[in-house]
Amino acid sequence: KVPYWSCLGATEDEPGVTAEVRDWYDTMATRPA
C-alpha cells in the first residue's frame, strides 16, 4: 500500500489512482485493526 503509480508517471488525480486509493482505504477501514 505505497504509491507505486508515481513510478509510472501517474498522479493521485488520475481517476484510476483515486479509485484504487479509495478501495485501499475502504478495505482497511472495515477492519479497524
PDB file of all heavy atoms in Angstrom:
ATOM      1  N   LYS A   1       0.831  -1.207   0.000  1.00  0.00           N
ATOM      2  CA  LYS A   1       0.000   0.000   0.000  1.00  0.00           C
ATOM      3  C   LYS A   1       0.865   1.257   0.000  1.00  0.00           C
ATOM      4  O   LYS A   1       0.792   2.108   0.881  1.00  0.00           O
ATOM      5  CB  LYS A   1      -0.980  -0.008   1.180  1.00  0.00           C
ATOM      6  CG  LYS A   1      -2.053  -1.078   1.027  1.00  0.00           C
ATOM      7  CD  LYS A   1      -3.072  -1.032   2.150  1.00  0.00           C
ATOM      8  CE  LYS A   1      -4.203  -2.025   1.910  1.00  0.00           C
ATOM      9  NZ  LYS A   1      -3.730  -3.428   1.836  1.00  0.00           N
ATOM     10  N   VAL A   2       1.695   1.340  -1.023  1.00  0.00           N
ATOM     11  CA  VAL A   2       2.531   2.514  -1.249  1.00  0.00           C
ATOM     12  C   VAL A   2       2.205   3.059  -2.636  1.00  0.00           C
ATOM     13  O   VAL A   2       1.741   2.308  -3.508  1.00  0.00           O
ATOM     14  CB  VAL A   2       4.036   2.177  -1.143  1.00  0.00           C
ATOM     15  CG1 VAL A   2       4.393   1.760   0.274  1.00  0.00           C
ATOM     16  CG2 VAL A   2       4.432   1.072  -2.120  1.00  0.00           C
ATOM     17  N   PRO A   3       2.424   4.351  -2.876  1.00  0.00           N
ATOM     18  CA  PRO A   3       2.014   4.977  -4.154  1.00  0.00           C
ATOM     19  C   PRO A   3       2.907   4.579  -5.323  1.00  0.00           C
ATOM     20  O   PRO A   3       3.678   5.367  -5.843  1.00  0.00           O
ATOM     21  CB  PRO A   3       2.104   6.475  -3.839  1.00  0.00           C
ATOM     22  CG  PRO A   3       3.131   6.576  -2.767  1.00  0.00           C
ATOM     23  CD  PRO A   3       2.965   5.345  -1.930  1.00  0.00           C
ATOM     24  N   TYR A   4       2.755   3.340  -5.785  1.00  0.00           N
ATOM     25  CA  TYR A   4       3.579   2.816  -6.869  1.00  0.00           C
ATOM     26  C   TYR A   4       3.315   3.524  -8.191  1.00  0.00           C
ATOM     27  O   TYR A   4       4.155   3.509  -9.100  1.00  0.00           O
ATOM     28  CB  TYR A   4       3.327   1.306  -7.028  1.00  0.00           C
ATOM     29  CG  TYR A   4       1.953   0.953  -7.535  1.00  0.00           C
ATOM     30  CD1 TYR A   4       1.703   0.828  -8.895  1.00  0.00           C
ATOM     31  CD2 TYR A   4       0.887   0.772  -6.655  1.00  0.00           C
ATOM     32  CE1 TYR A   4       0.428   0.516  -9.374  1.00  0.00           C
ATOM     33  CE2 TYR A   4      -0.377   0.468  -7.119  1.00  0.00           C
ATOM     34  CZ  TYR A   4      -0.607   0.339  -8.472  1.00  0.00           C
ATOM     35  OH  TYR A   4      -1.863   0.037  -8.935  1.00  0.00           O
ATOM     36  N   TRP A   5       2.163   4.174  -8.306  1.00  0.00           N
ATOM     37  CA  TRP A   5       1.814   4.826  -9.569  1.00  0.00           C
ATOM     38  C   TRP A   5       2.773   5.965  -9.898  1.00  0.00           C
ATOM     39  O   TRP A   5       2.918   6.338 -11.057  1.00  0.00           O
ATOM     40  CB  TRP A   5       0.378   5.359  -9.498  1.00  0.00           C
ATOM     41  CG  TRP A   5       0.065   6.075  -8.215  1.00  0.00           C
ATOM     42  CD1 TRP A   5       0.354   7.362  -7.889  1.00  0.00           C
ATOM     43  CD2 TRP A   5      -0.582   5.506  -7.078  1.00  0.00           C
ATOM     44  NE1 TRP A   5      -0.077   7.648  -6.615  1.00  0.00           N
ATOM     45  CE2 TRP A   5      -0.664   6.526  -6.097  1.00  0.00           C
ATOM     46  CE3 TRP A   5      -1.109   4.242  -6.795  1.00  0.00           C
ATOM     47  CZ2 TRP A   5      -1.237   6.310  -4.844  1.00  0.00           C
ATOM     48  CZ3 TRP A   5      -1.677   4.029  -5.557  1.00  0.00           C
ATOM     49  CH2 TRP A   5      -1.746   5.055  -4.596  1.00  0.00           C
ATOM     50  N   SER A   6       3.443   6.514  -8.878  1.00  0.00           N
ATOM     51  CA  SER A   6       4.394   7.591  -9.151  1.00  0.00           C
ATOM     52  C   SER A   6       5.571   7.083  -9.983  1.00  0.00           C
ATOM     53  O   SER A   6       6.195   7.852 -10.721  1.00  0.00           O
ATOM     54  CB  SER A   6       4.904   8.200  -7.833  1.00  0.00           C
ATOM     55  OG  SER A   6       5.563   7.217  -7.050  1.00  0.00           O
ATOM     56  N   CYS A   7       5.881   5.771  -9.874  1.00  0.00           N
ATOM     57  CA  CYS A   7       6.947   5.174 -10.693  1.00  0.00           C
ATOM     58  C   CYS A   7       6.531   5.080 -12.159  1.00  0.00           C
ATOM     59  O   CYS A   7       7.376   4.908 -13.037  1.00  0.00           O
ATOM     60  CB  CYS A   7       7.299   3.776 -10.184  1.00  0.00           C
ATOM     61  SG  CYS A   7       7.876   3.732  -8.479  1.00  0.00           S
ATOM     62  N   LEU A   8       5.243   5.166 -12.395  1.00  0.00           N
ATOM     63  CA  LEU A   8       4.716   5.028 -13.754  1.00  0.00           C
ATOM     64  C   LEU A   8       4.352   6.372 -14.366  1.00  0.00           C
ATOM     65  O   LEU A   8       3.805   6.435 -15.472  1.00  0.00           O
ATOM     66  CB  LEU A   8       3.480   4.118 -13.750  1.00  0.00           C
ATOM     67  CG  LEU A   8       3.645   2.778 -13.024  1.00  0.00           C
ATOM     68  CD1 LEU A   8       2.330   2.012 -13.041  1.00  0.00           C
ATOM     69  CD2 LEU A   8       4.744   1.960 -13.679  1.00  0.00           C
ATOM     70  N   GLY A   9       4.630   7.461 -13.655  1.00  0.00           N
ATOM     71  CA  GLY A   9       4.336   8.786 -14.180  1.00  0.00           C
ATOM     72  C   GLY A   9       2.920   9.255 -13.944  1.00  0.00           C
ATOM     73  O   GLY A   9       2.508  10.296 -14.458  1.00  0.00           O
ATOM     74  N   ALA A  10       2.140   8.507 -13.151  1.00  0.00           N
ATOM     75  CA  ALA A  10       0.767   8.899 -12.852  1.00  0.00           C
ATOM     76  C   ALA A  10       0.733   9.710 -11.554  1.00  0.00           C
ATOM     77  O   ALA A  10       1.686   9.722 -10.772  1.00  0.00           O
ATOM     78  CB  ALA A  10      -0.122   7.665 -12.718  1.00  0.00           C
ATOM     79  N   THR A  11      -0.355  10.416 -11.336  1.00  0.00           N
ATOM     80  CA  THR A  11      -0.530  11.207 -10.115  1.00  0.00           C
ATOM     81  C   THR A  11      -1.797  10.762  -9.403  1.00  0.00           C
ATOM     82  O   THR A  11      -2.617  10.010  -9.941  1.00  0.00           O
ATOM     83  CB  THR A  11      -0.649  12.713 -10.442  1.00  0.00           C
ATOM     84  OG1 THR A  11      -1.895  12.939 -11.126  1.00  0.00           O
ATOM     85  CG2 THR A  11       0.495  13.171 -11.326  1.00  0.00           C
ATOM     86  N   GLU A  12      -1.945  11.261  -8.185  1.00  0.00           N
ATOM     87  CA  GLU A  12      -3.117  10.883  -7.396  1.00  0.00           C
ATOM     88  C   GLU A  12      -4.418  11.448  -7.970  1.00  0.00           C
ATOM     89  O   GLU A  12      -5.512  11.067  -7.541  1.00  0.00           O
ATOM     90  CB  GLU A  12      -2.964  11.352  -5.949  1.00  0.00           C
ATOM     91  CG  GLU A  12      -2.807  12.835  -5.758  1.00  0.00           C
ATOM     92  CD  GLU A  12      -1.363  13.308  -5.858  1.00  0.00           C
ATOM     93  OE1 GLU A  12      -0.498  12.516  -6.292  1.00  0.00           O
ATOM     94  OE2 GLU A  12      -1.104  14.479  -5.531  1.00  0.00           O
ATOM     95  N   ASP A  13      -4.318  12.366  -8.960  1.00  0.00           N
ATOM     96  CA  ASP A  13      -5.511  12.942  -9.577  1.00  0.00           C
ATOM     97  C   ASP A  13      -6.096  12.055 -10.678  1.00  0.00           C
ATOM     98  O   ASP A  13      -7.213  12.296 -11.135  1.00  0.00           O
ATOM     99  CB  ASP A  13      -5.190  14.324 -10.168  1.00  0.00           C
ATOM    100  CG  ASP A  13      -4.770  15.317  -9.088  1.00  0.00           C
ATOM    101  OD1 ASP A  13      -5.310  15.218  -7.965  1.00  0.00           O
ATOM    102  OD2 ASP A  13      -3.896  16.161  -9.357  1.00  0.00           O
ATOM    103  N   GLU A  14      -5.336  11.049 -11.117  1.00  0.00           N
ATOM    104  CA  GLU A  14      -5.845  10.140 -12.141  1.00  0.00           C
ATOM    105  C   GLU A  14      -7.046   9.370 -11.578  1.00  0.00           C
ATOM    106  O   GLU A  14      -7.005   8.895 -10.442  1.00  0.00           O
ATOM    107  CB  GLU A  14      -4.762   9.145 -12.564  1.00  0.00           C
ATOM    108  CG  GLU A  14      -3.554   9.770 -13.236  1.00  0.00           C
ATOM    109  CD  GLU A  14      -3.848  10.211 -14.654  1.00  0.00           C
ATOM    110  OE1 GLU A  14      -4.891   9.795 -15.197  1.00  0.00           O
ATOM    111  OE2 GLU A  14      -3.047  10.983 -15.205  1.00  0.00           O
ATOM    112  N   PRO A  15      -8.124   9.236 -12.344  1.00  0.00           N
ATOM    113  CA  PRO A  15      -9.310   8.517 -11.846  1.00  0.00           C
ATOM    114  C   PRO A  15      -8.990   7.102 -11.361  1.00  0.00           C
ATOM    115  O   PRO A  15      -9.521   6.646 -10.352  1.00  0.00           O
ATOM    116  CB  PRO A  15     -10.244   8.499 -13.069  1.00  0.00           C
ATOM    117  CG  PRO A  15      -9.828   9.688 -13.876  1.00  0.00           C
ATOM    118  CD  PRO A  15      -8.347   9.817 -13.694  1.00  0.00           C
ATOM    119  N   GLY A  16      -8.093   6.412 -12.078  1.00  0.00           N
ATOM    120  CA  GLY A  16      -7.741   5.058 -11.675  1.00  0.00           C
ATOM    121  C   GLY A  16      -7.030   5.031 -10.334  1.00  0.00           C
ATOM    122  O   GLY A  16      -7.250   4.144  -9.508  1.00  0.00           O
ATOM    123  N   VAL A  17      -6.166   6.017 -10.113  1.00  0.00           N
ATOM    124  CA  VAL A  17      -5.448   6.106  -8.833  1.00  0.00           C
ATOM    125  C   VAL A  17      -6.420   6.449  -7.710  1.00  0.00           C
ATOM    126  O   VAL A  17      -6.387   5.847  -6.629  1.00  0.00           O
ATOM    127  CB  VAL A  17      -4.323   7.163  -8.910  1.00  0.00           C
ATOM    128  CG1 VAL A  17      -3.695   7.373  -7.531  1.00  0.00           C
ATOM    129  CG2 VAL A  17      -3.267   6.742  -9.914  1.00  0.00           C
ATOM    130  N   THR A  18      -7.294   7.420  -7.963  1.00  0.00           N
ATOM    131  CA  THR A  18      -8.280   7.815  -6.954  1.00  0.00           C
ATOM    132  C   THR A  18      -9.138   6.629  -6.529  1.00  0.00           C
ATOM    133  O   THR A  18      -9.388   6.413  -5.332  1.00  0.00           O
ATOM    134  CB  THR A  18      -9.179   8.933  -7.501  1.00  0.00           C
ATOM    135  OG1 THR A  18      -8.369  10.064  -7.857  1.00  0.00           O
ATOM    136  CG2 THR A  18     -10.209   9.360  -6.464  1.00  0.00           C
ATOM    137  N   ALA A  19      -9.553   5.844  -7.517  1.00  0.00           N
ATOM    138  CA  ALA A  19     -10.387   4.683  -7.210  1.00  0.00           C
ATOM    139  C   ALA A  19      -9.614   3.639  -6.407  1.00  0.00           C
ATOM    140  O   ALA A  19     -10.157   3.021  -5.486  1.00  0.00           O
ATOM    141  CB  ALA A  19     -10.908   4.068  -8.510  1.00  0.00           C
ATOM    142  N   GLU A  20      -8.337   3.455  -6.742  1.00  0.00           N
ATOM    143  CA  GLU A  20      -7.539   2.449  -6.029  1.00  0.00           C
ATOM    144  C   GLU A  20      -7.276   2.871  -4.588  1.00  0.00           C
ATOM    145  O   GLU A  20      -7.362   2.058  -3.658  1.00  0.00           O
ATOM    146  CB  GLU A  20      -6.219   2.202  -6.753  1.00  0.00           C
ATOM    147  CG  GLU A  20      -5.400   1.103  -6.107  1.00  0.00           C
ATOM    148  CD  GLU A  20      -4.525   0.359  -7.093  1.00  0.00           C
ATOM    149  OE1 GLU A  20      -4.538   0.687  -8.291  1.00  0.00           O
ATOM    150  OE2 GLU A  20      -3.830  -0.572  -6.664  1.00  0.00           O
ATOM    151  N   VAL A  21      -6.972   4.153  -4.380  1.00  0.00           N
ATOM    152  CA  VAL A  21      -6.750   4.653  -3.022  1.00  0.00           C
ATOM    153  C   VAL A  21      -8.020   4.493  -2.184  1.00  0.00           C
ATOM    154  O   VAL A  21      -7.966   4.078  -1.018  1.00  0.00           O
ATOM    155  CB  VAL A  21      -6.304   6.132  -3.057  1.00  0.00           C
ATOM    156  CG1 VAL A  21      -6.295   6.727  -1.645  1.00  0.00           C
ATOM    157  CG2 VAL A  21      -4.920   6.246  -3.682  1.00  0.00           C
ATOM    158  N   ARG A  22      -9.151   4.824  -2.776  1.00  0.00           N
ATOM    159  CA  ARG A  22     -10.423   4.682  -2.062  1.00  0.00           C
ATOM    160  C   ARG A  22     -10.680   3.216  -1.712  1.00  0.00           C
ATOM    161  O   ARG A  22     -11.142   2.902  -0.604  1.00  0.00           O
ATOM    162  CB  ARG A  22     -11.572   5.228  -2.925  1.00  0.00           C
ATOM    163  CG  ARG A  22     -12.945   5.149  -2.245  1.00  0.00           C
ATOM    164  CD  ARG A  22     -12.937   5.972  -0.965  1.00  0.00           C
ATOM    165  NE  ARG A  22     -14.117   5.780  -0.162  1.00  0.00           N
ATOM    166  CZ  ARG A  22     -15.068   6.716  -0.037  1.00  0.00           C
ATOM    167  NH1 ARG A  22     -14.965   7.865  -0.666  1.00  0.00           N
ATOM    168  NH2 ARG A  22     -16.105   6.488   0.726  1.00  0.00           N
ATOM    169  N   ASP A  23     -10.342   2.312  -2.628  1.00  0.00           N
ATOM    170  CA  ASP A  23     -10.533   0.879  -2.370  1.00  0.00           C
ATOM    171  C   ASP A  23      -9.629   0.409  -1.230  1.00  0.00           C
ATOM    172  O   ASP A  23     -10.062  -0.353  -0.363  1.00  0.00           O
ATOM    173  CB  ASP A  23     -10.244   0.090  -3.643  1.00  0.00           C
ATOM    174  CG  ASP A  23     -10.453  -1.407  -3.453  1.00  0.00           C
ATOM    175  OD1 ASP A  23     -11.596  -1.807  -3.167  1.00  0.00           O
ATOM    176  OD2 ASP A  23      -9.477  -2.169  -3.574  1.00  0.00           O
ATOM    177  N   TRP A  24      -8.364   0.862  -1.231  1.00  0.00           N
ATOM    178  CA  TRP A  24      -7.449   0.510  -0.139  1.00  0.00           C
ATOM    179  C   TRP A  24      -8.025   0.962   1.199  1.00  0.00           C
ATOM    180  O   TRP A  24      -8.042   0.208   2.170  1.00  0.00           O
ATOM    181  CB  TRP A  24      -6.094   1.162  -0.342  1.00  0.00           C
ATOM    182  CG  TRP A  24      -5.260   0.586  -1.441  1.00  0.00           C
ATOM    183  CD1 TRP A  24      -5.567  -0.474  -2.250  1.00  0.00           C
ATOM    184  CD2 TRP A  24      -3.972   1.042  -1.859  1.00  0.00           C
ATOM    185  NE1 TRP A  24      -4.547  -0.703  -3.136  1.00  0.00           N
ATOM    186  CE2 TRP A  24      -3.554   0.203  -2.927  1.00  0.00           C
ATOM    187  CE3 TRP A  24      -3.131   2.065  -1.453  1.00  0.00           C
ATOM    188  CZ2 TRP A  24      -2.326   0.376  -3.574  1.00  0.00           C
ATOM    189  CZ3 TRP A  24      -1.912   2.237  -2.086  1.00  0.00           C
ATOM    190  CH2 TRP A  24      -1.520   1.401  -3.135  1.00  0.00           C
ATOM    191  N   TYR A  25      -8.468   2.213   1.234  1.00  0.00           N
ATOM    192  CA  TYR A  25      -8.963   2.768   2.491  1.00  0.00           C
ATOM    193  C   TYR A  25     -10.217   2.031   2.961  1.00  0.00           C
ATOM    194  O   TYR A  25     -10.310   1.640   4.137  1.00  0.00           O
ATOM    195  CB  TYR A  25      -9.267   4.255   2.332  1.00  0.00           C
ATOM    196  CG  TYR A  25      -9.816   4.881   3.597  1.00  0.00           C
ATOM    197  CD1 TYR A  25      -8.970   5.270   4.624  1.00  0.00           C
ATOM    198  CD2 TYR A  25     -11.190   5.052   3.767  1.00  0.00           C
ATOM    199  CE1 TYR A  25      -9.464   5.824   5.801  1.00  0.00           C
ATOM    200  CE2 TYR A  25     -11.702   5.598   4.935  1.00  0.00           C
ATOM    201  CZ  TYR A  25     -10.831   5.979   5.946  1.00  0.00           C
ATOM    202  OH  TYR A  25     -11.327   6.510   7.111  1.00  0.00           O
ATOM    203  N   ASP A  26     -11.158   1.837   2.064  1.00  0.00           N
ATOM    204  CA  ASP A  26     -12.415   1.182   2.449  1.00  0.00           C
ATOM    205  C   ASP A  26     -12.166  -0.238   2.956  1.00  0.00           C
ATOM    206  O   ASP A  26     -12.795  -0.690   3.917  1.00  0.00           O
ATOM    207  CB  ASP A  26     -13.382   1.145   1.260  1.00  0.00           C
ATOM    208  CG  ASP A  26     -13.951   2.522   0.929  1.00  0.00           C
ATOM    209  OD1 ASP A  26     -13.827   3.432   1.771  1.00  0.00           O
ATOM    210  OD2 ASP A  26     -14.505   2.679  -0.180  1.00  0.00           O
ATOM    211  N   THR A  27     -11.250  -0.931   2.302  1.00  0.00           N
ATOM    212  CA  THR A  27     -10.944  -2.304   2.716  1.00  0.00           C
ATOM    213  C   THR A  27     -10.374  -2.332   4.125  1.00  0.00           C
ATOM    214  O   THR A  27     -10.762  -3.160   4.955  1.00  0.00           O
ATOM    215  CB  THR A  27      -9.947  -2.955   1.740  1.00  0.00           C
ATOM    216  OG1 THR A  27     -10.533  -2.980   0.426  1.00  0.00           O
ATOM    217  CG2 THR A  27      -9.617  -4.377   2.164  1.00  0.00           C
ATOM    218  N   MET A  28      -9.432  -1.414   4.417  1.00  0.00           N
ATOM    219  CA  MET A  28      -8.825  -1.387   5.756  1.00  0.00           C
ATOM    220  C   MET A  28      -9.796  -0.848   6.801  1.00  0.00           C
ATOM    221  O   MET A  28      -9.828  -1.328   7.940  1.00  0.00           O
ATOM    222  CB  MET A  28      -7.544  -0.543   5.745  1.00  0.00           C
ATOM    223  CG  MET A  28      -6.399  -1.166   4.981  1.00  0.00           C
ATOM    224  SD  MET A  28      -4.793  -0.352   5.307  1.00  0.00           S
ATOM    225  CE  MET A  28      -5.104   1.287   4.634  1.00  0.00           C
ATOM    226  N   ALA A  29     -10.586   0.142   6.414  1.00  0.00           N
ATOM    227  CA  ALA A  29     -11.490   0.772   7.380  1.00  0.00           C
ATOM    228  C   ALA A  29     -12.568  -0.179   7.873  1.00  0.00           C
ATOM    229  O   ALA A  29     -13.095  -0.015   8.983  1.00  0.00           O
ATOM    230  CB  ALA A  29     -12.129   2.018   6.763  1.00  0.00           C
ATOM    231  N   THR A  30     -12.919  -1.172   7.070  1.00  0.00           N
ATOM    232  CA  THR A  30     -13.918  -2.148   7.521  1.00  0.00           C
ATOM    233  C   THR A  30     -13.343  -3.090   8.578  1.00  0.00           C
ATOM    234  O   THR A  30     -14.092  -3.765   9.270  1.00  0.00           O
ATOM    235  CB  THR A  30     -14.442  -2.985   6.333  1.00  0.00           C
ATOM    236  OG1 THR A  30     -13.341  -3.641   5.701  1.00  0.00           O
ATOM    237  CG2 THR A  30     -15.153  -2.105   5.332  1.00  0.00           C
ATOM    238  N   ARG A  31     -11.998  -3.129   8.675  1.00  0.00           N
ATOM    239  CA  ARG A  31     -11.323  -3.904   9.722  1.00  0.00           C
ATOM    240  C   ARG A  31     -10.408  -2.947  10.473  1.00  0.00           C
ATOM    241  O   ARG A  31      -9.218  -2.803  10.132  1.00  0.00           O
ATOM    242  CB  ARG A  31     -10.535  -5.058   9.097  1.00  0.00           C
ATOM    243  CG  ARG A  31     -11.396  -6.061   8.347  1.00  0.00           C
ATOM    244  CD  ARG A  31     -10.589  -7.274   7.893  1.00  0.00           C
ATOM    245  NE  ARG A  31      -9.674  -6.937   6.814  1.00  0.00           N
ATOM    246  CZ  ARG A  31      -9.980  -7.018   5.525  1.00  0.00           C
ATOM    247  NH1 ARG A  31     -11.197  -7.416   5.159  1.00  0.00           N
ATOM    248  NH2 ARG A  31      -9.104  -6.710   4.599  1.00  0.00           N
ATOM    249  N   PRO A  32     -10.926  -2.247  11.470  1.00  0.00           N
ATOM    250  CA  PRO A  32     -10.170  -1.183  12.149  1.00  0.00           C
ATOM    251  C   PRO A  32      -8.771  -1.592  12.573  1.00  0.00           C
ATOM    252  O   PRO A  32      -7.835  -0.783  12.483  1.00  0.00           O
ATOM    253  CB  PRO A  32     -11.053  -0.856  13.356  1.00  0.00           C
ATOM    254  CG  PRO A  32     -12.437  -1.198  12.901  1.00  0.00           C
ATOM    255  CD  PRO A  32     -12.281  -2.401  12.031  1.00  0.00           C
ATOM    256  N   ALA A  33      -8.596  -2.822  13.049  1.00  0.00           N
ATOM    257  CA  ALA A  33      -7.265  -3.253  13.497  1.00  0.00           C
ATOM    258  C   ALA A  33      -6.255  -3.183  12.345  1.00  0.00           C
ATOM    259  O   ALA A  33      -5.072  -2.894  12.562  1.00  0.00           O
ATOM    260  CB  ALA A  33      -7.322  -4.667  14.064  1.00  0.00           C
TER     261      ALA A  33
END
